C-alpha atoms as a PDB file:
ATOM      1  CA  UNK A   1      60.830  98.598  27.276  1.00  0.00           C
ATOM      2  CA  UNK A   2      59.386  97.217  24.486  1.00  0.00           C
ATOM      3  CA  UNK A   3      60.449  93.857  22.416  1.00  0.00           C
ATOM      4  CA  UNK A   4      60.332  92.960  18.850  1.00  0.00           C
ATOM      5  CA  UNK A   5      61.513  89.975  17.871  1.00  0.00           C
ATOM      6  CA  UNK A   6      64.420  88.644  20.052  1.00  0.00           C
ATOM      7  CA  UNK A   7      65.184  92.477  20.292  1.00  0.00           C
ATOM      8  CA  UNK A   8      64.802  94.269  24.081  1.00  0.00           C
ATOM      9  CA  UNK A   9      64.946  98.056  23.802  1.00  0.00           C
ATOM     10  CA  UNK A  10      65.335 100.189  27.134  1.00  0.00           C
ATOM     11  CA  UNK A  11      63.439 103.290  26.999  1.00  0.00           C
ATOM     12  CA  UNK A  12      64.849 105.806  29.468  1.00  0.00           C
ATOM     13  CA  UNK A  13      61.905 108.314  29.954  1.00  0.00           C
ATOM     14  CA  UNK A  14      59.306 108.959  32.404  1.00  0.00           C
ATOM     15  CA  UNK A  15      56.246 106.463  31.449  1.00  0.00           C
ATOM     16  CA  UNK A  16      54.050 109.195  30.837  1.00  0.00           C
ATOM     17  CA  UNK A  17      56.013 110.754  28.322  1.00  0.00           C
ATOM     18  CA  UNK A  18      56.395 107.420  26.315  1.00  0.00           C
ATOM     19  CA  UNK A  19      54.653 106.660  23.122  1.00  0.00           C
ATOM     20  CA  UNK A  20      54.723 102.828  22.089  1.00  0.00           C
ATOM     21  CA  UNK A  21      53.940 101.699  18.561  1.00  0.00           C
ATOM     22  CA  UNK A  22      51.653  98.705  19.713  1.00  0.00           C
ATOM     23  CA  UNK A  23      50.057  97.296  22.920  1.00  0.00           C
ATOM     24  CA  UNK A  24      51.590  95.014  24.841  1.00  0.00           C
ATOM     25  CA  UNK A  25      50.634  91.987  26.638  1.00  0.00           C
ATOM     26  CA  UNK A  26      52.033  92.357  30.408  1.00  0.00           C
ATOM     27  CA  UNK A  27      52.637  95.226  32.272  1.00  0.00           C
ATOM     28  CA  UNK A  28      54.787  94.763  34.967  1.00  0.00           C
ATOM     29  CA  UNK A  29      55.710  97.698  37.585  1.00  0.00           C
ATOM     30  CA  UNK A  30      57.777  98.067  40.627  1.00  0.00           C
ATOM     31  CA  UNK A  31      56.434 101.604  41.601  1.00  0.00           C
ATOM     32  CA  UNK A  32      55.483 100.165  45.266  1.00  0.00           C
ATOM     33  CA  UNK A  33      56.484 102.235  48.395  1.00  0.00           C
ATOM     34  CA  UNK A  34      56.180 101.627  51.841  1.00  0.00           C
ATOM     35  CA  UNK A  35      52.771 102.765  52.166  1.00  0.00           C
ATOM     36  CA  UNK A  36      51.726 100.989  48.837  1.00  0.00           C
ATOM     37  CA  UNK A  37      51.005 104.232  46.631  1.00  0.00           C
ATOM     38  CA  UNK A  38      52.431 107.121  48.455  1.00  0.00           C
ATOM     39  CA  UNK A  39      56.501 108.276  47.316  1.00  0.00           C
ATOM     40  CA  UNK A  40      56.366 106.918  43.724  1.00  0.00           C
ATOM     41  CA  UNK A  41      52.477 107.644  42.894  1.00  0.00           C
ATOM     42  CA  UNK A  42      52.111 103.944  41.852  1.00  0.00           C
ATOM     43  CA  UNK A  43      48.351 104.470  40.997  1.00  0.00           C
ATOM     44  CA  UNK A  44      49.277 107.458  38.843  1.00  0.00           C
ATOM     45  CA  UNK A  45      51.787 105.880  37.140  1.00  0.00           C
ATOM     46  CA  UNK A  46      50.500 102.244  36.769  1.00  0.00           C
ATOM     47  CA  UNK A  47      46.731 103.456  35.679  1.00  0.00           C
ATOM     48  CA  UNK A  48      48.140 105.637  33.002  1.00  0.00           C
ATOM     49  CA  UNK A  49      50.590 102.709  31.756  1.00  0.00           C
ATOM     50  CA  UNK A  50      47.820 100.383  32.019  1.00  0.00           C
ATOM     51  CA  UNK A  51      45.168 102.519  29.792  1.00  0.00           C
ATOM     52  CA  UNK A  52      47.781 103.530  26.985  1.00  0.00           C
ATOM     53  CA  UNK A  53      49.898 100.542  26.815  1.00  0.00           C
ATOM     54  CA  UNK A  54      48.041  97.064  27.493  1.00  0.00           C
ATOM     55  CA  UNK A  55      46.048  95.293  25.371  1.00  0.00           C
ATOM     56  CA  UNK A  56      42.670  94.410  26.151  1.00  0.00           C
ATOM     57  CA  UNK A  57      42.787  91.177  28.980  1.00  0.00           C
ATOM     58  CA  UNK A  58      46.166  92.002  29.545  1.00  0.00           C
ATOM     59  CA  UNK A  59      47.997  91.214  32.934  1.00  0.00           C
ATOM     60  CA  UNK A  60      49.080  93.956  35.433  1.00  0.00           C
ATOM     61  CA  UNK A  61      51.830  92.963  37.898  1.00  0.00           C
ATOM     62  CA  UNK A  62      51.082  93.299  40.869  1.00  0.00           C
ATOM     63  CA  UNK A  63      47.376  93.052  40.343  1.00  0.00           C
ATOM     64  CA  UNK A  64      46.376  94.511  43.952  1.00  0.00           C
ATOM     65  CA  UNK A  65      47.167  95.306  47.354  1.00  0.00           C
ATOM     66  CA  UNK A  66      45.817  95.761  50.905  1.00  0.00           C
ATOM     67  CA  UNK A  67      47.162  98.627  52.823  1.00  0.00           C
ATOM     68  CA  UNK A  68      47.572  97.804  56.536  1.00  0.00           C
ATOM     69  CA  UNK A  69      47.835 100.283  59.717  1.00  0.00           C
ATOM     70  CA  UNK A  70      48.231  99.461  63.378  1.00  0.00           C
ATOM     71  CA  UNK A  71      48.514 101.531  66.628  1.00  0.00           C
ATOM     72  CA  UNK A  72      51.953 101.071  68.172  1.00  0.00           C
ATOM     73  CA  UNK A  73      54.302 102.575  71.242  1.00  0.00           C
ATOM     74  CA  UNK A  74      58.082 102.210  70.963  1.00  0.00           C
ATOM     75  CA  UNK A  75      60.666 103.784  72.917  1.00  0.00           C
ATOM     76  CA  UNK A  76      63.590 102.528  70.103  1.00  0.00           C
ATOM     77  CA  UNK A  77      62.029 104.733  66.995  1.00  0.00           C
ATOM     78  CA  UNK A  78      58.953 106.006  68.052  1.00  0.00           C
ATOM     79  CA  UNK A  79      58.190 109.686  69.550  1.00  0.00           C
ATOM     80  CA  UNK A  80      58.841 107.793  73.042  1.00  0.00           C
ATOM     81  CA  UNK A  81      62.431 107.565  71.829  1.00  0.00           C
ATOM     82  CA  UNK A  82      62.826 110.985  72.278  1.00  0.00           C
ATOM     83  CA  UNK A  83      61.835 112.082  76.070  1.00  0.00           C
ATOM     84  CA  UNK A  84      60.510 115.806  76.721  1.00  0.00           C
ATOM     85  CA  UNK A  85      63.211 116.504  78.962  1.00  0.00           C
ATOM     86  CA  UNK A  86      66.813 114.814  79.505  1.00  0.00           C
ATOM     87  CA  UNK A  87      69.599 115.900  81.649  1.00  0.00           C
ATOM     88  CA  UNK A  88      67.373 118.832  82.880  1.00  0.00           C
ATOM     89  CA  UNK A  89      67.085 120.228  79.020  1.00  0.00           C
ATOM     90  CA  UNK A  90      63.881 120.688  77.449  1.00  0.00           C
ATOM     91  CA  UNK A  91      63.269 118.835  74.061  1.00  0.00           C
ATOM     92  CA  UNK A  92      59.982 119.719  73.003  1.00  0.00           C
ATOM     93  CA  UNK A  93      61.265 121.789  70.120  1.00  0.00           C
ATOM     94  CA  UNK A  94      63.564 118.592  68.617  1.00  0.00           C
ATOM     95  CA  UNK A  95      60.678 116.320  69.148  1.00  0.00           C
ATOM     96  CA  UNK A  96      58.095 118.545  67.322  1.00  0.00           C
ATOM     97  CA  UNK A  97      61.071 118.617  64.234  1.00  0.00           C
ATOM     98  CA  UNK A  98      61.731 115.316  64.428  1.00  0.00           C
ATOM     99  CA  UNK A  99      58.169 113.541  64.764  1.00  0.00           C
ATOM    100  CA  UNK A 100      55.786 116.360  62.924  1.00  0.00           C
ATOM    101  CA  UNK A 101      55.747 114.186  59.470  1.00  0.00           C
ATOM    102  CA  UNK A 102      55.570 110.752  58.317  1.00  0.00           C
ATOM    103  CA  UNK A 103      58.649 108.843  58.195  1.00  0.00           C
ATOM    104  CA  UNK A 104      60.327 105.621  57.069  1.00  0.00           C
ATOM    105  CA  UNK A 105      61.151 103.243  59.812  1.00  0.00           C
ATOM    106  CA  UNK A 106      62.443  99.787  59.922  1.00  0.00           C
ATOM    107  CA  UNK A 107      60.249  98.778  62.894  1.00  0.00           C
ATOM    108  CA  UNK A 108      61.253  94.910  62.071  1.00  0.00           C
ATOM    109  CA  UNK A 109      64.457  95.587  63.581  1.00  0.00           C
ATOM    110  CA  UNK A 110      63.874  97.642  66.743  1.00  0.00           C
ATOM    111  CA  UNK A 111      61.033  96.604  69.677  1.00  0.00           C
ATOM    112  CA  UNK A 112      57.447  97.769  69.685  1.00  0.00           C
ATOM    113  CA  UNK A 113      54.172  97.185  71.137  1.00  0.00           C
ATOM    114  CA  UNK A 114      51.299  96.290  69.107  1.00  0.00           C
ATOM    115  CA  UNK A 115      48.253  98.125  70.760  1.00  0.00           C
ATOM    116  CA  UNK A 116      45.793  96.553  68.464  1.00  0.00           C
ATOM    117  CA  UNK A 117      45.714  94.411  65.871  1.00  0.00           C
ATOM    118  CA  UNK A 118      46.411  95.581  62.350  1.00  0.00           C
ATOM    119  CA  UNK A 119      43.320  96.784  60.544  1.00  0.00           C
ATOM    120  CA  UNK A 120      42.617  97.179  56.568  1.00  0.00           C
ATOM    121  CA  UNK A 121      43.241 100.982  55.359  1.00  0.00           C
ATOM    122  CA  UNK A 122      42.736 100.568  51.549  1.00  0.00           C
ATOM    123  CA  UNK A 123      42.091  98.150  49.184  1.00  0.00           C
ATOM    124  CA  UNK A 124      43.806  98.698  45.608  1.00  0.00           C
ATOM    125  CA  UNK A 125      42.860  96.956  42.681  1.00  0.00           C
ATOM    126  CA  UNK A 126      45.621  97.837  40.018  1.00  0.00           C
ATOM    127  CA  UNK A 127      43.907  96.672  37.147  1.00  0.00           C
ATOM    128  CA  UNK A 128      41.117  99.088  37.410  1.00  0.00           C
ATOM    129  CA  UNK A 129      42.037 101.773  39.685  1.00  0.00           C
ATOM    130  CA  UNK A 130      42.228 104.938  38.196  1.00  0.00           C
ATOM    131  CA  UNK A 131      42.743 107.462  40.937  1.00  0.00           C
ATOM    132  CA  UNK A 132      43.889 107.681  44.225  1.00  0.00           C
ATOM    133  CA  UNK A 133      41.404 106.790  46.995  1.00  0.00           C
ATOM    134  CA  UNK A 134      40.207 109.846  49.472  1.00  0.00           C
ATOM    135  CA  UNK A 135      40.135 110.064  52.813  1.00  0.00           C
ATOM    136  CA  UNK A 136      39.053 107.287  55.361  1.00  0.00           C
ATOM    137  CA  UNK A 137      38.569 106.581  58.930  1.00  0.00           C
ATOM    138  CA  UNK A 138      40.157 103.181  60.443  1.00  0.00           C
ATOM    139  CA  UNK A 139      38.889 102.274  63.909  1.00  0.00           C
ATOM    140  CA  UNK A 140      40.531 100.525  66.619  1.00  0.00           C
ATOM    141  CA  UNK A 141      39.917  98.917  69.608  1.00  0.00           C
ATOM    142  CA  UNK A 142      42.518  98.708  72.152  1.00  0.00           C
ATOM    143  CA  UNK A 143      43.784  95.281  73.237  1.00  0.00           C
ATOM    144  CA  UNK A 144      46.329  96.368  75.751  1.00  0.00           C
ATOM    145  CA  UNK A 145      46.950  99.314  77.642  1.00  0.00           C
ATOM    146  CA  UNK A 146      49.629 101.662  76.367  1.00  0.00           C
ATOM    147  CA  UNK A 147      51.072 104.878  75.424  1.00  0.00           C
ATOM    148  CA  UNK A 148      50.116 105.699  71.589  1.00  0.00           C
ATOM    149  CA  UNK A 149      53.335 107.077  69.912  1.00  0.00           C
ATOM    150  CA  UNK A 150      51.774 106.716  66.492  1.00  0.00           C
ATOM    151  CA  UNK A 151      50.657 104.083  63.766  1.00  0.00           C
ATOM    152  CA  UNK A 152      52.691 101.795  61.444  1.00  0.00           C
ATOM    153  CA  UNK A 153      51.526 101.218  57.891  1.00  0.00           C
ATOM    154  CA  UNK A 154      52.465  98.886  55.595  1.00  0.00           C
ATOM    155  CA  UNK A 155      50.957  96.950  52.228  1.00  0.00           C
ATOM    156  CA  UNK A 156      50.645  93.303  51.310  1.00  0.00           C
ATOM    157  CA  UNK A 157      50.354  93.191  47.551  1.00  0.00           C
ATOM    158  CA  UNK A 158      49.378  90.204  45.076  1.00  0.00           C
ATOM    159  CA  UNK A 159      51.515  90.178  42.306  1.00  0.00           C
ATOM    160  CA  UNK A 160      49.841  87.340  40.325  1.00  0.00           C
ATOM    161  CA  UNK A 161      47.641  84.099  41.280  1.00  0.00           C
ATOM    162  CA  UNK A 162      48.981  82.475  44.115  1.00  0.00           C
ATOM    163  CA  UNK A 163      52.228  85.183  44.289  1.00  0.00           C
ATOM    164  CA  UNK A 164      52.370  87.899  47.423  1.00  0.00           C
ATOM    165  CA  UNK A 165      54.562  90.278  48.729  1.00  0.00           C
ATOM    166  CA  UNK A 166      54.500  92.158  51.937  1.00  0.00           C
ATOM    167  CA  UNK A 167      56.514  94.590  53.940  1.00  0.00           C
ATOM    168  CA  UNK A 168      54.727  93.857  57.511  1.00  0.00           C
ATOM    169  CA  UNK A 169      57.104  94.278  60.699  1.00  0.00           C
ATOM    170  CA  UNK A 170      56.265  90.919  61.214  1.00  0.00           C
ATOM    171  CA  UNK A 171      57.848  89.449  57.849  1.00  0.00           C
ATOM    172  CA  UNK A 172      61.493  89.300  56.833  1.00  0.00           C
ATOM    173  CA  UNK A 173      63.147  92.434  56.304  1.00  0.00           C
ATOM    174  CA  UNK A 174      62.733  94.402  52.877  1.00  0.00           C
ATOM    175  CA  UNK A 175      64.014  97.335  51.348  1.00  0.00           C
ATOM    176  CA  UNK A 176      60.481  99.067  51.738  1.00  0.00           C
ATOM    177  CA  UNK A 177      60.722  99.291  55.492  1.00  0.00           C
ATOM    178  CA  UNK A 178      57.581 100.736  56.999  1.00  0.00           C
ATOM    179  CA  UNK A 179      55.790 104.032  57.108  1.00  0.00           C
ATOM    180  CA  UNK A 180      55.606 105.537  60.724  1.00  0.00           C
ATOM    181  CA  UNK A 181      52.662 108.353  61.678  1.00  0.00           C
ATOM    182  CA  UNK A 182      53.575 109.749  64.795  1.00  0.00           C
ATOM    183  CA  UNK A 183      51.318 111.084  67.435  1.00  0.00           C
ATOM    184  CA  UNK A 184      53.262 113.765  69.356  1.00  0.00           C
ATOM    185  CA  UNK A 185      50.385 114.232  72.126  1.00  0.00           C
ATOM    186  CA  UNK A 186      50.878 110.466  73.252  1.00  0.00           C
ATOM    187  CA  UNK A 187      47.798 109.660  75.013  1.00  0.00           C
ATOM    188  CA  UNK A 188      48.274 106.867  77.356  1.00  0.00           C
ATOM    189  CA  UNK A 189      45.269 104.140  76.378  1.00  0.00           C
ATOM    190  CA  UNK A 190      43.091 101.672  77.954  1.00  0.00           C
ATOM    191  CA  UNK A 191      42.214  98.092  77.005  1.00  0.00           C
ATOM    192  CA  UNK A 192      38.836  98.284  75.458  1.00  0.00           C
ATOM    193  CA  UNK A 193      39.079 101.933  74.370  1.00  0.00           C
ATOM    194  CA  UNK A 194      37.962 102.990  70.921  1.00  0.00           C
ATOM    195  CA  UNK A 195      40.191 105.285  68.823  1.00  0.00           C
ATOM    196  CA  UNK A 196      40.093 106.248  65.035  1.00  0.00           C
ATOM    197  CA  UNK A 197      42.603 107.160  62.381  1.00  0.00           C
ATOM    198  CA  UNK A 198      41.959 109.573  60.031  1.00  0.00           C
ATOM    199  CA  UNK A 199      44.028 109.517  56.974  1.00  0.00           C
ATOM    200  CA  UNK A 200      43.763 111.261  53.220  1.00  0.00           C
ATOM    201  CA  UNK A 201      46.145 111.093  50.551  1.00  0.00           C
ATOM    202  CA  UNK A 202      47.089 114.603  49.020  1.00  0.00           C
ATOM    203  CA  UNK A 203      48.954 114.869  45.584  1.00  0.00           C
ATOM    204  CA  UNK A 204      51.786 117.009  45.142  1.00  0.00           C
ATOM    205  CA  UNK A 205      53.850 116.834  41.869  1.00  0.00           C
ATOM    206  CA  UNK A 206      53.510 113.239  41.021  1.00  0.00           C
ATOM    207  CA  UNK A 207      53.794 112.297  44.905  1.00  0.00           C
ATOM    208  CA  UNK A 208      51.604 111.664  47.456  1.00  0.00           C
ATOM    209  CA  UNK A 209      51.708 113.455  50.757  1.00  0.00           C
ATOM    210  CA  UNK A 210      49.755 112.176  54.152  1.00  0.00           C
ATOM    211  CA  UNK A 211      47.517 114.241  56.241  1.00  0.00           C
ATOM    212  CA  UNK A 212      46.391 112.295  59.245  1.00  0.00           C
ATOM    213  CA  UNK A 213      44.762 112.840  63.026  1.00  0.00           C
ATOM    214  CA  UNK A 214      43.705 110.738  65.446  1.00  0.00           C
ATOM    215  CA  UNK A 215      40.351 110.979  67.680  1.00  0.00           C
ATOM    216  CA  UNK A 216      39.806 109.020  70.964  1.00  0.00           C
ATOM    217  CA  UNK A 217      36.538 108.276  72.517  1.00  0.00           C
ATOM    218  CA  UNK A 218      37.183 108.447  76.044  1.00  0.00           C
ATOM    219  CA  UNK A 219      34.301 106.247  77.646  1.00  0.00           C
END
């Protein structure tokens, strides 16, 4: 979009293919996804537009985001919602098909048990970031015993000074929902146990796919 005098011109084009006659004062992007920068590759598009379109000292909206992750158990939408056996039938193949990849869920509308407080997974500054972050490890000290069905992910973004938005499962519902990382093994965890969530964003055709795993410390 470009503005000349009192005229607004809409450009129906992928931003990476656009050339503007002059740089702008403000860059506004709504490419956030449920885990911040994955499905719409927010970092790739914002950094390209910022470097090519924005004047020195120009404003970027959103400014930054904290990406959060939390271990959970749920019989409503998690792996626990699909038993291994039901009416004598073996459901393991269906479970594997349903929960073999990252999903979008409306966790704020369904009951779940929080096994540990949320932890910071990534911090993104859209004013300076130039590429997607790499692999990271997030440790959790289990606060209550329970079955680990997976991990919930969401973001909290600062749009401008004093203005924030988030899709936390504890906040009012949004169209983003939450990202769910299923754990097919469903280990039973004890209070005080230490677990590690390992996650890596992989770029595939202008979209981020997640590779992840869980490690348990038994003692």
